[in-house]
């Protein structure tokens, strides 16, 4: 009887101790690069769709920045984002998917995320 109680207590302790998730201390370069590509795709797709619906470029820019900031604002990977690479990827996606070749890069300065 005592043995069964001790076994149950031991099982309970083991289950509780392994229940908490483990997070890596640092993130791999590939994970950060994929995250940067995900942000750039989100921004460029939102901007393209907004301009196709007839929203002015200024309005589409503000909307795209707001939506992208809202979606990615509190991710742990934000402190590792290389904004030069992000801006370059956004410009490439806009050229490739929307045929927008004269997008002003300085407008992307408002695209910043919280850590």
C-alpha atoms as a PDB file:
ATOM      1  CA  UNK A   1       0.000   0.000   0.000  1.00  0.00           C
ATOM      2  CA  UNK A   2       2.743   2.442   0.948  1.00  0.00           C
ATOM      3  CA  UNK A   3       4.682   1.412  -2.121  1.00  0.00           C
ATOM      4  CA  UNK A   4       1.738   2.309  -4.381  1.00  0.00           C
ATOM      5  CA  UNK A   5       1.361   5.715  -2.752  1.00  0.00           C
ATOM      6  CA  UNK A   6       5.074   6.442  -3.146  1.00  0.00           C
ATOM      7  CA  UNK A   7       4.936   5.337  -6.804  1.00  0.00           C
ATOM      8  CA  UNK A   8       2.018   7.680  -7.465  1.00  0.00           C
ATOM      9  CA  UNK A   9       3.781  10.582  -5.768  1.00  0.00           C
ATOM     10  CA  UNK A  10       6.956   9.899  -7.750  1.00  0.00           C
ATOM     11  CA  UNK A  11       4.992   9.773 -11.021  1.00  0.00           C
ATOM     12  CA  UNK A  12       3.263  13.025 -10.139  1.00  0.00           C
ATOM     13  CA  UNK A  13       6.584  14.744  -9.417  1.00  0.00           C
ATOM     14  CA  UNK A  14       8.077  13.504 -12.701  1.00  0.00           C
ATOM     15  CA  UNK A  15       5.060  14.671 -14.699  1.00  0.00           C
ATOM     16  CA  UNK A  16       5.074  18.097 -13.094  1.00  0.00           C
ATOM     17  CA  UNK A  17       8.800  18.640 -13.604  1.00  0.00           C
ATOM     18  CA  UNK A  18       8.683  17.726 -17.332  1.00  0.00           C
ATOM     19  CA  UNK A  19       5.510  19.669 -18.047  1.00  0.00           C
ATOM     20  CA  UNK A  20       7.151  23.075 -18.477  1.00  0.00           C
ATOM     21  CA  UNK A  21       8.340  23.893 -22.014  1.00  0.00           C
ATOM     22  CA  UNK A  22      12.006  24.357 -22.771  1.00  0.00           C
ATOM     23  CA  UNK A  23      13.239  27.260 -24.861  1.00  0.00           C
ATOM     24  CA  UNK A  24      16.618  27.574 -26.519  1.00  0.00           C
ATOM     25  CA  UNK A  25      18.942  30.214 -25.145  1.00  0.00           C
ATOM     26  CA  UNK A  26      19.841  31.513 -28.566  1.00  0.00           C
ATOM     27  CA  UNK A  27      18.295  31.045 -31.967  1.00  0.00           C
ATOM     28  CA  UNK A  28      19.963  29.675 -35.048  1.00  0.00           C
ATOM     29  CA  UNK A  29      20.807  31.874 -37.991  1.00  0.00           C
ATOM     30  CA  UNK A  30      18.370  29.960 -40.203  1.00  0.00           C
ATOM     31  CA  UNK A  31      15.452  30.587 -37.814  1.00  0.00           C
ATOM     32  CA  UNK A  32      16.196  34.321 -37.758  1.00  0.00           C
ATOM     33  CA  UNK A  33      16.536  34.433 -41.544  1.00  0.00           C
ATOM     34  CA  UNK A  34      13.206  32.619 -42.021  1.00  0.00           C
ATOM     35  CA  UNK A  35      11.557  35.000 -39.569  1.00  0.00           C
ATOM     36  CA  UNK A  36      12.918  37.980 -41.527  1.00  0.00           C
ATOM     37  CA  UNK A  37      11.576  36.501 -44.778  1.00  0.00           C
ATOM     38  CA  UNK A  38       8.193  35.947 -43.132  1.00  0.00           C
ATOM     39  CA  UNK A  39       8.012  39.608 -42.078  1.00  0.00           C
ATOM     40  CA  UNK A  40       9.007  40.835 -45.530  1.00  0.00           C
ATOM     41  CA  UNK A  41       6.424  38.611 -47.237  1.00  0.00           C
ATOM     42  CA  UNK A  42       3.697  39.812 -44.864  1.00  0.00           C
ATOM     43  CA  UNK A  43       4.512  43.470 -45.481  1.00  0.00           C
ATOM     44  CA  UNK A  44       4.792  43.179 -49.262  1.00  0.00           C
ATOM     45  CA  UNK A  45       1.625  41.077 -49.607  1.00  0.00           C
ATOM     46  CA  UNK A  46      -0.351  43.528 -47.467  1.00  0.00           C
ATOM     47  CA  UNK A  47       0.987  46.497 -49.436  1.00  0.00           C
ATOM     48  CA  UNK A  48       0.248  44.842 -52.804  1.00  0.00           C
ATOM     49  CA  UNK A  49      -3.271  43.850 -51.801  1.00  0.00           C
ATOM     50  CA  UNK A  50      -4.002  47.310 -50.410  1.00  0.00           C
ATOM     51  CA  UNK A  51      -2.922  49.072 -53.582  1.00  0.00           C
ATOM     52  CA  UNK A  52      -4.898  46.605 -55.721  1.00  0.00           C
ATOM     53  CA  UNK A  53      -8.045  47.459 -53.742  1.00  0.00           C
ATOM     54  CA  UNK A  54      -7.620  51.100 -54.722  1.00  0.00           C
ATOM     55  CA  UNK A  55      -6.039  52.476 -51.553  1.00  0.00           C
ATOM     56  CA  UNK A  56      -3.483  55.202 -52.226  1.00  0.00           C
ATOM     57  CA  UNK A  57       0.183  54.293 -51.853  1.00  0.00           C
ATOM     58  CA  UNK A  58       0.498  56.461 -48.744  1.00  0.00           C
ATOM     59  CA  UNK A  59      -2.538  54.810 -47.142  1.00  0.00           C
ATOM     60  CA  UNK A  60      -1.375  51.348 -48.167  1.00  0.00           C
ATOM     61  CA  UNK A  61       2.040  52.059 -46.673  1.00  0.00           C
ATOM     62  CA  UNK A  62       0.585  53.150 -43.322  1.00  0.00           C
ATOM     63  CA  UNK A  63      -1.810  50.192 -43.283  1.00  0.00           C
ATOM     64  CA  UNK A  64       0.946  47.699 -44.149  1.00  0.00           C
ATOM     65  CA  UNK A  65       3.287  49.063 -41.485  1.00  0.00           C
ATOM     66  CA  UNK A  66       0.519  48.969 -38.891  1.00  0.00           C
ATOM     67  CA  UNK A  67      -0.579  45.425 -39.720  1.00  0.00           C
ATOM     68  CA  UNK A  68       2.975  44.097 -39.832  1.00  0.00           C
ATOM     69  CA  UNK A  69       3.894  45.799 -36.550  1.00  0.00           C
ATOM     70  CA  UNK A  70       0.748  44.422 -34.930  1.00  0.00           C
ATOM     71  CA  UNK A  71       1.408  40.850 -36.051  1.00  0.00           C
ATOM     72  CA  UNK A  72       5.109  40.706 -35.183  1.00  0.00           C
ATOM     73  CA  UNK A  73       5.335  43.228 -32.347  1.00  0.00           C
ATOM     74  CA  UNK A  74       6.098  40.997 -29.355  1.00  0.00           C
ATOM     75  CA  UNK A  75       8.138  38.131 -30.766  1.00  0.00           C
ATOM     76  CA  UNK A  76      11.355  37.066 -29.033  1.00  0.00           C
ATOM     77  CA  UNK A  77      13.177  37.053 -32.375  1.00  0.00           C
ATOM     78  CA  UNK A  78      12.673  40.795 -32.936  1.00  0.00           C
ATOM     79  CA  UNK A  79      15.931  41.716 -31.234  1.00  0.00           C
ATOM     80  CA  UNK A  80      17.822  39.625 -33.806  1.00  0.00           C
ATOM     81  CA  UNK A  81      16.204  41.141 -36.922  1.00  0.00           C
ATOM     82  CA  UNK A  82      18.640  42.763 -39.336  1.00  0.00           C
ATOM     83  CA  UNK A  83      16.652  45.749 -40.616  1.00  0.00           C
ATOM     84  CA  UNK A  84      18.896  46.291 -43.642  1.00  0.00           C
ATOM     85  CA  UNK A  85      18.250  42.718 -44.772  1.00  0.00           C
ATOM     86  CA  UNK A  86      14.545  43.090 -43.973  1.00  0.00           C
ATOM     87  CA  UNK A  87      14.233  46.272 -46.041  1.00  0.00           C
ATOM     88  CA  UNK A  88      16.142  44.675 -48.913  1.00  0.00           C
ATOM     89  CA  UNK A  89      13.831  41.650 -48.861  1.00  0.00           C
ATOM     90  CA  UNK A  90      10.742  43.871 -48.770  1.00  0.00           C
ATOM     91  CA  UNK A  91      11.951  45.818 -51.801  1.00  0.00           C
ATOM     92  CA  UNK A  92      12.736  42.605 -53.680  1.00  0.00           C
ATOM     93  CA  UNK A  93       9.304  41.148 -52.854  1.00  0.00           C
ATOM     94  CA  UNK A  94       7.588  44.350 -53.972  1.00  0.00           C
ATOM     95  CA  UNK A  95       9.478  44.284 -57.274  1.00  0.00           C
ATOM     96  CA  UNK A  96       8.887  40.594 -57.852  1.00  0.00           C
ATOM     97  CA  UNK A  97       5.246  40.277 -56.776  1.00  0.00           C
ATOM     98  CA  UNK A  98       3.774  43.746 -57.372  1.00  0.00           C
ATOM     99  CA  UNK A  99       6.014  45.234 -60.055  1.00  0.00           C
ATOM    100  CA  UNK A 100       6.663  48.261 -57.826  1.00  0.00           C
ATOM    101  CA  UNK A 101      10.168  49.407 -58.704  1.00  0.00           C
ATOM    102  CA  UNK A 102      10.290  52.914 -57.253  1.00  0.00           C
ATOM    103  CA  UNK A 103       9.335  52.239 -53.629  1.00  0.00           C
ATOM    104  CA  UNK A 104      11.128  54.710 -51.310  1.00  0.00           C
ATOM    105  CA  UNK A 105      13.265  52.725 -48.872  1.00  0.00           C
ATOM    106  CA  UNK A 106      13.279  55.506 -46.269  1.00  0.00           C
ATOM    107  CA  UNK A 107       9.535  54.901 -45.754  1.00  0.00           C
ATOM    108  CA  UNK A 108      10.369  51.556 -44.120  1.00  0.00           C
ATOM    109  CA  UNK A 109      12.001  53.278 -41.118  1.00  0.00           C
ATOM    110  CA  UNK A 110       8.655  53.158 -39.285  1.00  0.00           C
ATOM    111  CA  UNK A 111       8.709  49.359 -39.454  1.00  0.00           C
ATOM    112  CA  UNK A 112      10.214  48.578 -36.059  1.00  0.00           C
ATOM    113  CA  UNK A 113       9.304  45.947 -33.519  1.00  0.00           C
ATOM    114  CA  UNK A 114       9.307  45.686 -29.729  1.00  0.00           C
ATOM    115  CA  UNK A 115      11.636  43.188 -28.103  1.00  0.00           C
END
